[in-house]
Amino acid sequence: MNKLPRFRFAPSPTGSLHLGGLRTALFNHVMAKQLKGEWALRIEDTDRSERLDLYHQYTKRLLDSGHAYRCFCGPVRLSETKEKLQKLGSNSTYDRACLNLSEEEIARRVRAGEKHVVRLNDATIQNVKIAPDLVFGTSVQHTHAGLPTDPILLKSDSFPTYHLASVVDDHEMEITHVLRGE
């Protein structure tokens, strides 16, 4: 693995580069130079079909380790659940109904071709980091974000969400630091 700090700027090719994006690229480049590291420009791929096998490999690792799970809830159930939870005063939008399905139940539903997504099991991530932030000062980062829903990593069409693809691509490129706008 690369020992040098490695930064990147990864704009999406869906529109013109704006001033905020240019500033983010500049900050990443300056920090890489200051730390005697490397800086990479990666144009985000909006058609991820060429790397589907790679994203599926990482998804399988997350599923096998318990850091992700298959969710078979359809749009009607998700909408009803969200409405019910909001009436109860909860910020949650999903009740994690599929989190504890048995392996047999999951296998049966997958074999039957039932549409599903893969969600991050947010409850498995519970560390806290103190991070020095050169712009805003020291900050406490809860890697267990307490999100109201376990985010979807792989959509029902088997394509990764931006969140999964971006993290996998960063890992594959050995990116160690990511600077973003506020």
Protein backbone atom coordinates (compact mmCIF):
# COMPACT_ATOMS: atom_id res chain seq x y z
CA MET A 1 0.00 0.00 0.00
CA ASN A 2 1.13 3.52 -0.80
CA LYS A 3 2.63 5.25 2.28
CA LEU A 4 2.39 8.80 0.91
CA PRO A 5 -0.68 10.91 1.66
CA ARG A 6 -2.83 10.68 -1.43
CA PHE A 7 -5.53 13.23 -2.22
CA ARG A 8 -8.02 13.38 -5.06
CA PHE A 9 -10.51 15.61 -6.76
CA ALA A 10 -13.36 13.69 -8.36
CA PRO A 11 -15.82 15.92 -10.19
CA SER A 12 -18.86 14.49 -11.91
CA PRO A 13 -19.01 15.09 -15.66
CA THR A 14 -22.68 16.11 -15.47
CA GLY A 15 -22.16 19.86 -15.76
CA SER A 16 -19.72 22.72 -15.82
CA LEU A 17 -17.08 23.00 -13.13
CA HIS A 18 -18.12 25.73 -10.68
CA LEU A 19 -16.00 27.94 -8.46
CA GLY A 20 -16.61 25.79 -5.36
CA GLY A 21 -15.38 22.69 -7.17
CA LEU A 22 -12.33 24.52 -8.43
CA ARG A 23 -11.56 25.69 -4.89
CA THR A 24 -11.88 22.12 -3.59
CA ALA A 25 -9.48 20.89 -6.29
CA LEU A 26 -7.00 23.64 -5.38
CA PHE A 27 -7.17 22.83 -1.64
CA ASN A 28 -6.60 19.13 -2.32
CA HIS A 29 -3.64 19.93 -4.58
CA VAL A 30 -2.09 22.37 -2.08
CA MET A 31 -2.50 19.92 0.83
CA ALA A 32 -0.93 17.12 -1.20
CA LYS A 33 2.06 19.33 -2.01
CA GLN A 34 2.36 20.57 1.59
CA LEU A 35 2.42 17.00 2.92
CA LYS A 36 4.73 15.82 0.11
CA GLY A 37 1.99 13.54 -1.08
CA GLU A 38 0.22 12.85 -4.32
CA TRP A 39 -2.83 14.37 -5.95
CA ALA A 40 -5.09 12.60 -8.43
CA LEU A 41 -7.81 13.84 -10.73
CA ARG A 42 -10.57 11.27 -11.16
CA ILE A 43 -13.55 12.07 -13.33
CA GLU A 44 -16.44 10.24 -11.70
CA ASP A 45 -17.93 7.61 -13.95
CA THR A 46 -21.67 8.13 -14.21
CA ASP A 47 -21.97 4.79 -16.07
CA ARG A 48 -20.57 2.30 -13.59
CA SER A 49 -21.33 -0.79 -15.68
CA GLU A 50 -17.66 -1.48 -16.49
CA ARG A 51 -16.80 -1.86 -12.79
CA LEU A 52 -19.93 -3.68 -11.60
CA ASP A 53 -18.00 -6.85 -10.75
CA LEU A 54 -15.68 -4.88 -8.48
CA TYR A 55 -18.57 -3.15 -6.67
CA HIS A 56 -20.32 -6.51 -6.29
CA GLN A 57 -17.16 -8.03 -4.75
CA TYR A 58 -17.03 -5.30 -2.12
CA THR A 59 -20.76 -5.59 -1.51
CA LYS A 60 -20.35 -9.34 -0.92
CA ARG A 61 -17.57 -8.64 1.60
CA LEU A 62 -19.85 -6.21 3.44
CA LEU A 63 -22.71 -8.74 3.42
CA ASP A 64 -20.48 -11.59 4.59
CA SER A 65 -19.07 -9.50 7.45
CA GLY A 66 -22.49 -8.34 8.65
CA HIS A 67 -21.79 -4.70 7.75
CA ALA A 68 -24.57 -4.78 5.15
CA TYR A 69 -27.82 -6.65 4.61
CA ARG A 70 -30.41 -7.29 1.90
CA CYS A 71 -33.65 -5.32 2.15
CA PHE A 72 -36.70 -6.64 0.31
CA CYS A 73 -39.08 -3.84 1.34
CA GLY A 74 -40.93 -2.37 -1.62
CA PRO A 75 -41.89 1.26 -2.17
CA VAL A 76 -45.38 0.90 -0.68
CA ARG A 77 -44.10 -0.63 2.55
CA LEU A 78 -41.29 1.92 2.80
CA SER A 79 -43.73 4.79 2.32
CA GLU A 80 -46.16 3.41 4.92
CA THR A 81 -43.33 2.80 7.39
CA LYS A 82 -41.95 6.31 6.94
CA GLU A 83 -45.40 7.82 7.49
CA LYS A 84 -46.01 5.69 10.59
CA LEU A 85 -42.63 6.56 12.11
CA GLN A 86 -43.14 10.27 11.45
CA LYS A 87 -46.54 10.16 13.18
CA LEU A 88 -44.75 8.68 16.20
CA GLY A 89 -42.34 11.63 16.17
CA SER A 90 -39.35 9.63 14.97
CA ASN A 91 -36.70 11.02 12.63
CA SER A 92 -36.26 7.52 11.20
CA THR A 93 -37.61 6.67 7.79
CA TYR A 94 -36.98 2.92 7.89
CA ASP A 95 -37.59 0.36 10.63
CA ARG A 96 -34.84 -2.09 9.58
CA ALA A 97 -37.46 -4.80 9.00
CA CYS A 98 -35.11 -6.93 6.91
CA LEU A 99 -32.05 -6.67 9.16
CA ASN A 100 -32.62 -9.94 10.99
CA LEU A 101 -34.01 -12.14 8.23
CA SER A 102 -32.64 -15.68 8.40
CA GLU A 103 -30.11 -16.86 5.83
CA GLU A 104 -32.70 -19.36 4.59
CA GLU A 105 -35.32 -16.63 4.09
CA ILE A 106 -32.83 -14.41 2.26
CA ALA A 107 -31.67 -17.27 0.01
CA ARG A 108 -35.27 -18.24 -0.78
CA ARG A 109 -36.21 -14.68 -1.74
CA VAL A 110 -33.06 -14.16 -3.82
CA ARG A 111 -33.64 -17.49 -5.66
CA ALA A 112 -37.22 -16.42 -6.34
CA GLY A 113 -35.87 -13.29 -8.02
CA GLU A 114 -37.42 -10.92 -5.50
CA LYS A 115 -36.15 -7.38 -6.01
CA HIS A 116 -34.04 -6.04 -3.19
CA VAL A 117 -31.42 -3.47 -2.29
CA VAL A 118 -28.35 -3.82 -0.10
CA ARG A 119 -28.22 -1.47 2.89
CA LEU A 120 -25.36 -0.50 5.17
CA ASN A 121 -25.87 -1.95 8.65
CA ASP A 122 -25.14 1.34 10.34
CA ALA A 123 -25.32 -0.21 13.82
CA THR A 124 -22.08 -2.14 13.21
CA ILE A 125 -20.05 1.08 12.96
CA GLN A 126 -19.66 2.64 16.37
CA ASN A 127 -16.20 4.20 16.81
CA VAL A 128 -15.49 7.84 17.49
CA LYS A 129 -12.49 9.69 16.10
CA ILE A 130 -10.98 12.99 17.10
CA ALA A 131 -9.87 14.58 13.85
CA PRO A 132 -7.66 17.63 13.49
CA ASP A 133 -9.38 19.89 10.98
CA LEU A 134 -7.02 22.50 9.57
CA VAL A 135 -9.90 24.76 8.53
CA PHE A 136 -12.46 24.41 11.33
CA GLY A 137 -10.30 23.20 14.24
CA THR A 138 -10.48 19.88 16.05
CA SER A 139 -13.72 18.02 15.52
CA VAL A 140 -15.27 14.88 16.93
CA GLN A 141 -16.43 12.49 14.25
CA HIS A 142 -18.91 9.77 15.05
CA THR A 143 -18.46 7.12 12.41
CA HIS A 144 -21.78 5.73 13.62
CA ALA A 145 -23.72 8.61 12.18
CA GLY A 146 -27.01 7.72 13.87
CA LEU A 147 -28.63 8.03 10.47
CA PRO A 148 -32.40 7.71 10.43
CA THR A 149 -32.09 4.95 7.84
CA ASP A 150 -29.41 2.46 6.86
CA PRO A 151 -28.24 3.96 3.55
CA ILE A 152 -28.67 1.96 0.36
CA LEU A 153 -25.36 0.79 -1.11
CA LEU A 154 -26.56 -1.34 -4.01
CA LYS A 155 -29.81 -0.53 -5.79
CA SER A 156 -32.37 -3.10 -6.93
CA ASP A 157 -30.93 -2.92 -10.47
CA SER A 158 -27.59 -4.16 -9.02
CA PHE A 159 -25.88 -0.82 -9.63
CA PRO A 160 -24.02 0.84 -6.76
CA THR A 161 -25.11 4.13 -5.28
CA TYR A 162 -22.65 7.01 -5.46
CA HIS A 163 -21.73 6.39 -1.80
CA LEU A 164 -20.52 2.84 -2.38
CA ALA A 165 -18.86 3.50 -5.74
CA SER A 166 -16.97 6.54 -4.48
CA VAL A 167 -15.60 4.74 -1.42
CA VAL A 168 -14.60 1.67 -3.43
CA ASP A 169 -12.92 3.83 -6.07
CA ASP A 170 -11.05 5.77 -3.35
CA HIS A 171 -9.90 2.50 -1.77
CA GLU A 172 -8.76 1.07 -5.10
CA MET A 173 -6.82 4.28 -5.84
CA GLU A 174 -5.29 4.21 -2.33
CA ILE A 175 -6.73 7.64 -1.52
CA THR A 176 -5.86 8.53 2.09
CA HIS A 177 -7.36 12.03 2.38
CA VAL A 178 -10.53 13.57 0.97
CA LEU A 179 -11.18 17.29 1.28
CA ARG A 180 -14.69 18.48 0.46
CA GLY A 181 -16.52 21.77 0.53
CA GLU A 182 -18.51 22.80 3.58
